[in-house]
Amino acid sequence: MKKRTFDLIFIIFSTLILITLSEYGLLEKYMAFSLIPILIAYQLGQYSERKFKK
């Protein structure tokens, strides 16, 4: 799997989760936990950089 493909899959998956949470009104309720997805995205980026390094 190429890094670009991995990035696109992650972006689509994250977008679907955010749209779902927005539709149910959970984003306003749990704004304090917004740092967790950012940290997960950072860690996945670090993993993909090491895994797909040329």
C-alpha atoms as a PDB file:
ATOM      1  CA  MET A   1       0.000   0.000   0.000  1.00  0.00           C
ATOM      2  CA  LYS A   2       1.401   3.365  -0.988  1.00  0.00           C
ATOM      3  CA  LYS A   3       1.547   6.291   1.402  1.00  0.00           C
ATOM      4  CA  ARG A   4      -0.830   8.342  -0.740  1.00  0.00           C
ATOM      5  CA  THR A   5      -3.426   5.564  -0.711  1.00  0.00           C
ATOM      6  CA  PHE A   6      -3.085   5.234   3.058  1.00  0.00           C
ATOM      7  CA  ASP A   7      -3.565   9.004   3.444  1.00  0.00           C
ATOM      8  CA  LEU A   8      -6.671   9.025   1.250  1.00  0.00           C
ATOM      9  CA  ILE A   9      -8.228   6.121   3.153  1.00  0.00           C
ATOM     10  CA  PHE A  10      -7.567   7.877   6.458  1.00  0.00           C
ATOM     11  CA  ILE A  11      -9.042  11.162   5.223  1.00  0.00           C
ATOM     12  CA  ILE A  12     -12.198   9.467   3.952  1.00  0.00           C
ATOM     13  CA  PHE A  13     -12.599   7.448   7.157  1.00  0.00           C
ATOM     14  CA  SER A  14     -12.111  10.537   9.351  1.00  0.00           C
ATOM     15  CA  THR A  15     -14.576  12.539   7.284  1.00  0.00           C
ATOM     16  CA  LEU A  16     -17.229   9.844   7.602  1.00  0.00           C
ATOM     17  CA  ILE A  17     -16.787   9.733  11.375  1.00  0.00           C
ATOM     18  CA  LEU A  18     -17.007  13.535  11.703  1.00  0.00           C
ATOM     19  CA  ILE A  19     -20.114  13.706   9.505  1.00  0.00           C
ATOM     20  CA  THR A  20     -21.765  10.982  11.553  1.00  0.00           C
ATOM     21  CA  LEU A  21     -20.941  12.697  14.845  1.00  0.00           C
ATOM     22  CA  SER A  22     -22.170  16.011  13.472  1.00  0.00           C
ATOM     23  CA  GLU A  23     -25.487  14.522  12.351  1.00  0.00           C
ATOM     24  CA  TYR A  24     -26.175  13.168  15.840  1.00  0.00           C
ATOM     25  CA  GLY A  25     -25.087  16.415  17.510  1.00  0.00           C
ATOM     26  CA  LEU A  26     -22.230  14.836  19.447  1.00  0.00           C
ATOM     27  CA  LEU A  27     -19.546  17.272  18.316  1.00  0.00           C
ATOM     28  CA  GLU A  28     -20.878  20.117  20.434  1.00  0.00           C
ATOM     29  CA  LYS A  29     -21.353  17.903  23.452  1.00  0.00           C
ATOM     30  CA  TYR A  30     -17.839  16.412  23.508  1.00  0.00           C
ATOM     31  CA  MET A  31     -15.679  19.298  22.300  1.00  0.00           C
ATOM     32  CA  ALA A  32     -13.213  18.697  25.161  1.00  0.00           C
ATOM     33  CA  PHE A  33     -12.198  15.379  23.599  1.00  0.00           C
ATOM     34  CA  SER A  34     -11.282  16.912  20.237  1.00  0.00           C
ATOM     35  CA  LEU A  35      -7.569  16.524  20.965  1.00  0.00           C
ATOM     36  CA  ILE A  36      -7.789  12.718  20.891  1.00  0.00           C
ATOM     37  CA  PRO A  37      -8.478  12.391  17.110  1.00  0.00           C
ATOM     38  CA  ILE A  38      -5.716  14.900  16.404  1.00  0.00           C
ATOM     39  CA  LEU A  39      -3.250  12.802  18.404  1.00  0.00           C
ATOM     40  CA  ILE A  40      -4.417   9.622  16.672  1.00  0.00           C
ATOM     41  CA  ALA A  41      -3.945  11.269  13.266  1.00  0.00           C
ATOM     42  CA  TYR A  42      -0.453  12.372  14.271  1.00  0.00           C
ATOM     43  CA  GLN A  43       0.516   8.882  15.418  1.00  0.00           C
ATOM     44  CA  LEU A  44      -0.883   7.309  12.240  1.00  0.00           C
ATOM     45  CA  GLY A  45       1.109   9.817  10.204  1.00  0.00           C
ATOM     46  CA  GLN A  46       4.279   8.890  12.047  1.00  0.00           C
ATOM     47  CA  TYR A  47       3.552   5.181  11.534  1.00  0.00           C
ATOM     48  CA  SER A  48       2.871   5.604   7.813  1.00  0.00           C
ATOM     49  CA  GLU A  49       6.059   7.657   7.406  1.00  0.00           C
ATOM     50  CA  ARG A  50       8.136   4.857   8.935  1.00  0.00           C
ATOM     51  CA  LYS A  51       6.239   2.054   7.174  1.00  0.00           C
ATOM     52  CA  PHE A  52       6.198   3.540   3.669  1.00  0.00           C
ATOM     53  CA  LYS A  53       9.584   5.236   3.720  1.00  0.00           C
ATOM     54  CA  LYS A  54      11.487   4.726   0.469  1.00  0.00           C
END
